[in-house]
C-alpha atoms as a PDB file:
ATOM      1  CA  MET A   1     111.894  84.890  67.553  1.00  0.00           C
ATOM      2  CA  THR A   2     109.055  83.585  69.728  1.00  0.00           C
ATOM      3  CA  LEU A   3     109.272  80.796  72.241  1.00  0.00           C
ATOM      4  CA  ALA A   4     106.694  78.027  71.897  1.00  0.00           C
ATOM      5  CA  VAL A   5     105.135  76.583  75.009  1.00  0.00           C
ATOM      6  CA  VAL A   6     104.956  72.795  74.901  1.00  0.00           C
ATOM      7  CA  VAL A   7     102.631  71.001  77.342  1.00  0.00           C
ATOM      8  CA  SER A   8     103.692  67.527  78.448  1.00  0.00           C
ATOM      9  CA  PRO A   9     101.524  64.876  80.085  1.00  0.00           C
ATOM     10  CA  GLN A  10     100.354  65.212  83.688  1.00  0.00           C
ATOM     11  CA  VAL A  11     102.936  65.200  86.456  1.00  0.00           C
ATOM     12  CA  SER A  12     102.885  64.972  90.225  1.00  0.00           C
ATOM     13  CA  VAL A  13     105.440  67.044  92.174  1.00  0.00           C
ATOM     14  CA  GLU A  14     106.127  67.258  95.939  1.00  0.00           C
ATOM     15  CA  GLY A  15     107.976  70.104  97.569  1.00  0.00           C
ATOM     16  CA  THR A  16     108.174  72.844 100.155  1.00  0.00           C
ATOM     17  CA  VAL A  17     106.835  76.306  99.379  1.00  0.00           C
ATOM     18  CA  GLN A  18     109.687  78.839  99.175  1.00  0.00           C
ATOM     19  CA  GLU A  19     107.700  81.803  97.836  1.00  0.00           C
ATOM     20  CA  VAL A  20     104.103  82.758  97.009  1.00  0.00           C
ATOM     21  CA  ILE A  21     103.453  85.357  94.319  1.00  0.00           C
ATOM     22  CA  TYR A  22     100.077  87.060  94.524  1.00  0.00           C
ATOM     23  CA  LYS A  23      97.954  88.797  91.896  1.00  0.00           C
ATOM     24  CA  LYS A  24      94.949  90.788  93.185  1.00  0.00           C
ATOM     25  CA  THR A  25      95.183  89.131  96.616  1.00  0.00           C
ATOM     26  CA  LEU A  26      95.030  85.600  95.159  1.00  0.00           C
ATOM     27  CA  PRO A  27      98.070  83.336  94.931  1.00  0.00           C
ATOM     28  CA  LYS A  28      99.119  82.997  91.288  1.00  0.00           C
ATOM     29  CA  VAL A  29     102.552  81.332  91.374  1.00  0.00           C
ATOM     30  CA  LEU A  30     104.206  79.068  93.933  1.00  0.00           C
ATOM     31  CA  VAL A  31     107.945  78.486  94.001  1.00  0.00           C
ATOM     32  CA  LEU A  32     108.552  74.966  95.364  1.00  0.00           C
ATOM     33  CA  GLU A  33     111.834  73.546  96.532  1.00  0.00           C
ATOM     34  CA  THR A  34     111.947  70.077  94.912  1.00  0.00           C
ATOM     35  CA  ALA A  35     114.953  67.798  95.119  1.00  0.00           C
ATOM     36  CA  GLY A  36     117.289  70.692  95.809  1.00  0.00           C
ATOM     37  CA  ARG A  37     116.110  73.012  93.020  1.00  0.00           C
ATOM     38  CA  PRO A  38     113.277  75.535  92.727  1.00  0.00           C
ATOM     39  CA  LEU A  39     110.315  74.851  90.481  1.00  0.00           C
ATOM     40  CA  TRP A  40     107.755  77.454  89.435  1.00  0.00           C
ATOM     41  CA  ILE A  41     104.151  76.319  89.732  1.00  0.00           C
ATOM     42  CA  LYS A  42     101.505  78.442  88.030  1.00  0.00           C
ATOM     43  CA  LEU A  43      98.071  77.920  89.581  1.00  0.00           C
ATOM     44  CA  LYS A  44      95.113  77.448  87.238  1.00  0.00           C
ATOM     45  CA  LYS A  45      92.671  80.384  87.567  1.00  0.00           C
ATOM     46  CA  SER A  46      89.831  78.220  88.887  1.00  0.00           C
ATOM     47  CA  LEU A  47      92.203  76.673  91.493  1.00  0.00           C
ATOM     48  CA  ARG A  48      93.241  80.143  92.730  1.00  0.00           C
ATOM     49  CA  GLN A  49      89.658  81.128  93.432  1.00  0.00           C
ATOM     50  CA  GLU A  50      88.602  77.946  95.250  1.00  0.00           C
ATOM     51  CA  LEU A  51      91.794  77.586  97.284  1.00  0.00           C
ATOM     52  CA  HIS A  52      91.393  77.925 101.045  1.00  0.00           C
ATOM     53  CA  PRO A  53      93.569  78.229 103.055  1.00  0.00           C
ATOM     54  CA  TYR A  54      96.237  79.739 100.787  1.00  0.00           C
ATOM     55  CA  PRO A  55      99.628  78.050 100.714  1.00  0.00           C
ATOM     56  CA  ARG A  56     102.254  79.736 102.875  1.00  0.00           C
ATOM     57  CA  VAL A  57     106.048  79.640 102.965  1.00  0.00           C
ATOM     58  CA  GLY A  58     107.115  76.425 104.651  1.00  0.00           C
ATOM     59  CA  ASP A  59     104.027  74.403 103.685  1.00  0.00           C
ATOM     60  CA  ARG A  60     104.713  70.999 102.111  1.00  0.00           C
ATOM     61  CA  LEU A  61     102.557  70.357  99.032  1.00  0.00           C
ATOM     62  CA  ARG A  62     101.859  67.801  96.363  1.00  0.00           C
ATOM     63  CA  ILE A  63     100.946  69.398  93.006  1.00  0.00           C
ATOM     64  CA  TYR A  64      99.158  67.707  90.153  1.00  0.00           C
ATOM     65  CA  GLY A  65      99.325  69.420  86.762  1.00  0.00           C
ATOM     66  CA  ASP A  66     100.931  69.688  83.352  1.00  0.00           C
ATOM     67  CA  ARG A  67     104.647  70.171  82.750  1.00  0.00           C
ATOM     68  CA  CYS A  68     105.176  73.066  80.379  1.00  0.00           C
ATOM     69  CA  CYS A  69     108.460  73.739  78.528  1.00  0.00           C
ATOM     70  CA  LYS A  70     109.478  77.174  77.265  1.00  0.00           C
ATOM     71  CA  GLY A  71     111.856  76.904  74.360  1.00  0.00           C
ATOM     72  CA  SER A  72     114.244  74.324  75.790  1.00  0.00           C
ATOM     73  CA  ASP A  73     113.914  71.207  77.914  1.00  0.00           C
ATOM     74  CA  THR A  74     115.850  72.792  80.790  1.00  0.00           C
ATOM     75  CA  ALA A  75     113.444  75.735  81.319  1.00  0.00           C
ATOM     76  CA  TYR A  76     110.125  74.404  82.464  1.00  0.00           C
ATOM     77  CA  TYR A  77     107.359  75.066  84.936  1.00  0.00           C
ATOM     78  CA  CYS A  78     104.170  73.294  85.956  1.00  0.00           C
ATOM     79  CA  LYS A  79     100.604  74.456  85.509  1.00  0.00           C
ATOM     80  CA  ALA A  80      98.746  73.149  88.566  1.00  0.00           C
ATOM     81  CA  HIS A  81      95.226  71.730  88.308  1.00  0.00           C
ATOM     82  CA  HIS A  82      95.052  70.366  91.868  1.00  0.00           C
ATOM     83  CA  LEU A  83      97.135  70.562  95.063  1.00  0.00           C
ATOM     84  CA  GLU A  84      97.236  68.729  98.367  1.00  0.00           C
ATOM     85  CA  PHE A  85      98.608  69.969 101.661  1.00  0.00           C
ATOM     86  CA  LEU A  86     100.986  67.374 103.075  1.00  0.00           C
ATOM     87  CA  ALA A  87     102.251  69.452 106.021  1.00  0.00           C
ATOM     88  CA  VAL A  88     101.030  72.901 106.994  1.00  0.00           C
ATOM     89  CA  ASN A  89     103.170  75.624 108.489  1.00  0.00           C
ATOM     90  CA  GLN A  90     101.051  76.853 111.423  1.00  0.00           C
ATOM     91  CA  PRO A  91      99.552  80.274 110.631  1.00  0.00           C
ATOM     92  CA  SER A  92      99.689  82.949 113.256  1.00  0.00           C
ATOM     93  CA  GLU A  93      96.435  84.056 114.909  1.00  0.00           C
ATOM     94  CA  SER A  94      96.463  87.436 113.133  1.00  0.00           C
ATOM     95  CA  LEU A  95      96.757  85.968 109.632  1.00  0.00           C
ATOM     96  CA  ALA A  96      94.209  83.221 110.235  1.00  0.00           C
ATOM     97  CA  THR A  97      91.365  85.734 110.716  1.00  0.00           C
ATOM     98  CA  PRO A  98      91.930  89.122 109.086  1.00  0.00           C
ATOM     99  CA  ARG A  99      90.003  91.667 111.119  1.00  0.00           C
ATOM    100  CA  CYS A 100      90.416  94.687 108.826  1.00  0.00           C
ATOM    101  CA  LYS A 101      89.382  95.028 105.218  1.00  0.00           C
ATOM    102  CA  VAL A 102      91.187  97.767 103.310  1.00  0.00           C
ATOM    103  CA  LEU A 103      89.456  98.966 100.144  1.00  0.00           C
ATOM    104  CA  ILE A 104      91.818 100.751  97.740  1.00  0.00           C
ATOM    105  CA  CYS A 105      90.549 102.604  94.671  1.00  0.00           C
ATOM    106  CA  GLN A 106      92.198 101.248  91.521  1.00  0.00           C
ATOM    107  CA  LYS A 107      90.720 103.697  89.007  1.00  0.00           C
ATOM    108  CA  SER A 108      93.073 105.732  86.817  1.00  0.00           C
ATOM    109  CA  SER A 109      93.019 108.983  88.816  1.00  0.00           C
ATOM    110  CA  CYS A 110      93.943 107.279  92.100  1.00  0.00           C
ATOM    111  CA  CYS A 111      96.517 105.072  90.342  1.00  0.00           C
ATOM    112  CA  ARG A 112      98.233 108.175  88.963  1.00  0.00           C
ATOM    113  CA  ARG A 113      98.442 109.456  92.522  1.00  0.00           C
ATOM    114  CA  GLY A 114     100.064 106.266  93.881  1.00  0.00           C
ATOM    115  CA  ALA A 115      97.305 103.697  94.551  1.00  0.00           C
ATOM    116  CA  LYS A 116      99.221 100.826  92.915  1.00  0.00           C
ATOM    117  CA  GLN A 117     102.378 101.577  94.946  1.00  0.00           C
ATOM    118  CA  LEU A 118     100.241 101.843  98.099  1.00  0.00           C
ATOM    119  CA  TRP A 119      98.713  98.427  97.315  1.00  0.00           C
ATOM    120  CA  GLN A 120     102.146  96.816  96.845  1.00  0.00           C
ATOM    121  CA  GLU A 121     103.553  98.403  99.982  1.00  0.00           C
ATOM    122  CA  LEU A 122     100.598  97.324 102.133  1.00  0.00           C
ATOM    123  CA  GLN A 123     100.763  93.798 100.685  1.00  0.00           C
ATOM    124  CA  GLN A 124     104.459  93.547 101.544  1.00  0.00           C
ATOM    125  CA  GLN A 125     103.878  94.882 105.071  1.00  0.00           C
ATOM    126  CA  ALA A 126     100.932  92.556 105.609  1.00  0.00           C
ATOM    127  CA  ILE A 127     103.138  89.562 104.868  1.00  0.00           C
ATOM    128  CA  ALA A 128     106.343  90.773 106.555  1.00  0.00           C
ATOM    129  CA  GLN A 129     104.744  92.223 109.708  1.00  0.00           C
ATOM    130  CA  GLU A 130     101.744  89.883 109.784  1.00  0.00           C
ATOM    131  CA  LEU A 131      99.201  92.687 109.701  1.00  0.00           C
ATOM    132  CA  PRO A 132      95.640  91.370 110.137  1.00  0.00           C
ATOM    133  CA  ILE A 133      94.277  92.871 106.914  1.00  0.00           C
ATOM    134  CA  CYS A 134      92.571  91.825 103.699  1.00  0.00           C
ATOM    135  CA  LEU A 135      93.248  94.108 100.721  1.00  0.00           C
ATOM    136  CA  LYS A 136      90.465  94.622  98.172  1.00  0.00           C
ATOM    137  CA  ALA A 137      90.602  96.575  94.936  1.00  0.00           C
ATOM    138  CA  THR A 138      87.580  98.778  94.307  1.00  0.00           C
ATOM    139  CA  GLY A 139      86.251 101.136  91.742  1.00  0.00           C
ATOM    140  CA  CYS A 140      85.856 104.872  92.225  1.00  0.00           C
ATOM    141  CA  LEU A 141      85.321 106.033  95.802  1.00  0.00           C
ATOM    142  CA  GLY A 142      84.406 109.581  94.743  1.00  0.00           C
ATOM    143  CA  GLU A 143      87.662 111.253  95.804  1.00  0.00           C
ATOM    144  CA  CYS A 144      89.370 111.423  92.429  1.00  0.00           C
ATOM    145  CA  LYS A 145      91.259 114.673  92.979  1.00  0.00           C
ATOM    146  CA  ARG A 146      92.399 113.676  96.469  1.00  0.00           C
ATOM    147  CA  GLY A 147      93.614 110.143  95.746  1.00  0.00           C
ATOM    148  CA  PRO A 148      94.701 107.581  96.453  1.00  0.00           C
ATOM    149  CA  ALA A 149      91.405 106.987  98.215  1.00  0.00           C
ATOM    150  CA  VAL A 150      91.061 104.215 100.784  1.00  0.00           C
ATOM    151  CA  VAL A 151      88.304 102.937 103.105  1.00  0.00           C
ATOM    152  CA  VAL A 152      89.239 100.913 106.185  1.00  0.00           C
ATOM    153  CA  LEU A 153      86.497  98.563 107.413  1.00  0.00           C
ATOM    154  CA  PRO A 154      84.973  97.883 109.955  1.00  0.00           C
ATOM    155  CA  LEU A 155      86.032 101.383 111.173  1.00  0.00           C
ATOM    156  CA  LYS A 156      84.370 102.848 108.069  1.00  0.00           C
ATOM    157  CA  LYS A 157      87.248 105.347 107.989  1.00  0.00           C
ATOM    158  CA  ARG A 158      87.816 107.120 104.674  1.00  0.00           C
ATOM    159  CA  VAL A 159      91.344 108.264 103.942  1.00  0.00           C
ATOM    160  CA  THR A 160      92.427 110.517 101.092  1.00  0.00           C
ATOM    161  CA  HIS A 161      96.016 111.251 100.033  1.00  0.00           C
ATOM    162  CA  ALA A 162      96.608 107.880 101.727  1.00  0.00           C
ATOM    163  CA  ASN A 163     100.006 106.430 102.536  1.00  0.00           C
ATOM    164  CA  ALA A 164     101.009 103.098 104.028  1.00  0.00           C
ATOM    165  CA  GLU A 165     101.817 104.500 107.459  1.00  0.00           C
ATOM    166  CA  GLN A 166      98.321 106.001 107.863  1.00  0.00           C
ATOM    167  CA  ILE A 167      96.658 102.722 106.897  1.00  0.00           C
ATOM    168  CA  LYS A 168      98.959 100.702 109.145  1.00  0.00           C
ATOM    169  CA  ALA A 169      98.060 102.975 112.087  1.00  0.00           C
ATOM    170  CA  LEU A 170      94.335 102.512 111.407  1.00  0.00           C
ATOM    171  CA  VAL A 171      94.736  98.729 111.163  1.00  0.00           C
ATOM    172  CA  GLN A 172      96.602  98.657 114.455  1.00  0.00           C
ATOM    173  CA  GLN A 173      93.910 100.878 116.045  1.00  0.00           C
ATOM    174  CA  GLN A 174      91.274  98.371 114.906  1.00  0.00           C
ATOM    175  CA  ALA A 175      93.328  95.484 116.283  1.00  0.00           C
ATOM    176  CA  THR A 176      93.493  97.115 119.712  1.00  0.00           C
ATOM    177  CA  LEU A 177      89.714  97.726 119.616  1.00  0.00           C
ATOM    178  CA  ASN A 178      89.189  93.989 118.939  1.00  0.00           C
ATOM    179  CA  GLY A 179      91.524  93.270 121.818  1.00  0.00           C
END
């Protein structure tokens, strides 16, 4: 049995961001608190790429999009075509201007050695501890047998057999150099 997705006419929804779900460092899904219940908002691909600044937890937004039903009228989500910031939760200084770019190899050899888990752990730490980093997936860095391979910029530091604690220490070292 397959569930059909039915698209309704355009809707406008207002709410407060409760959660932001990222895919490859871009926000893909927003969970809004609207009238006491959560609503999942899937961002259109073109909207994800042109969005700046990204929505954060606590921001108040107005979303314009299509209402999509999955199977029944009670289970629905919105596909957003446009969004407006009504009230912005003030970003901290460190998140407003990421000072470190962390390049993580995402080729198969590094992924078998833990690159995907490293990515997820760094992304969680960046959000929870407000690390001033920008994660970027890359192709092969030439260290296939010693992966996961990572480059931390602007230090230009290459790390093999990388783990989250090593990268976090390098990011904090860069932050102290920037003062």
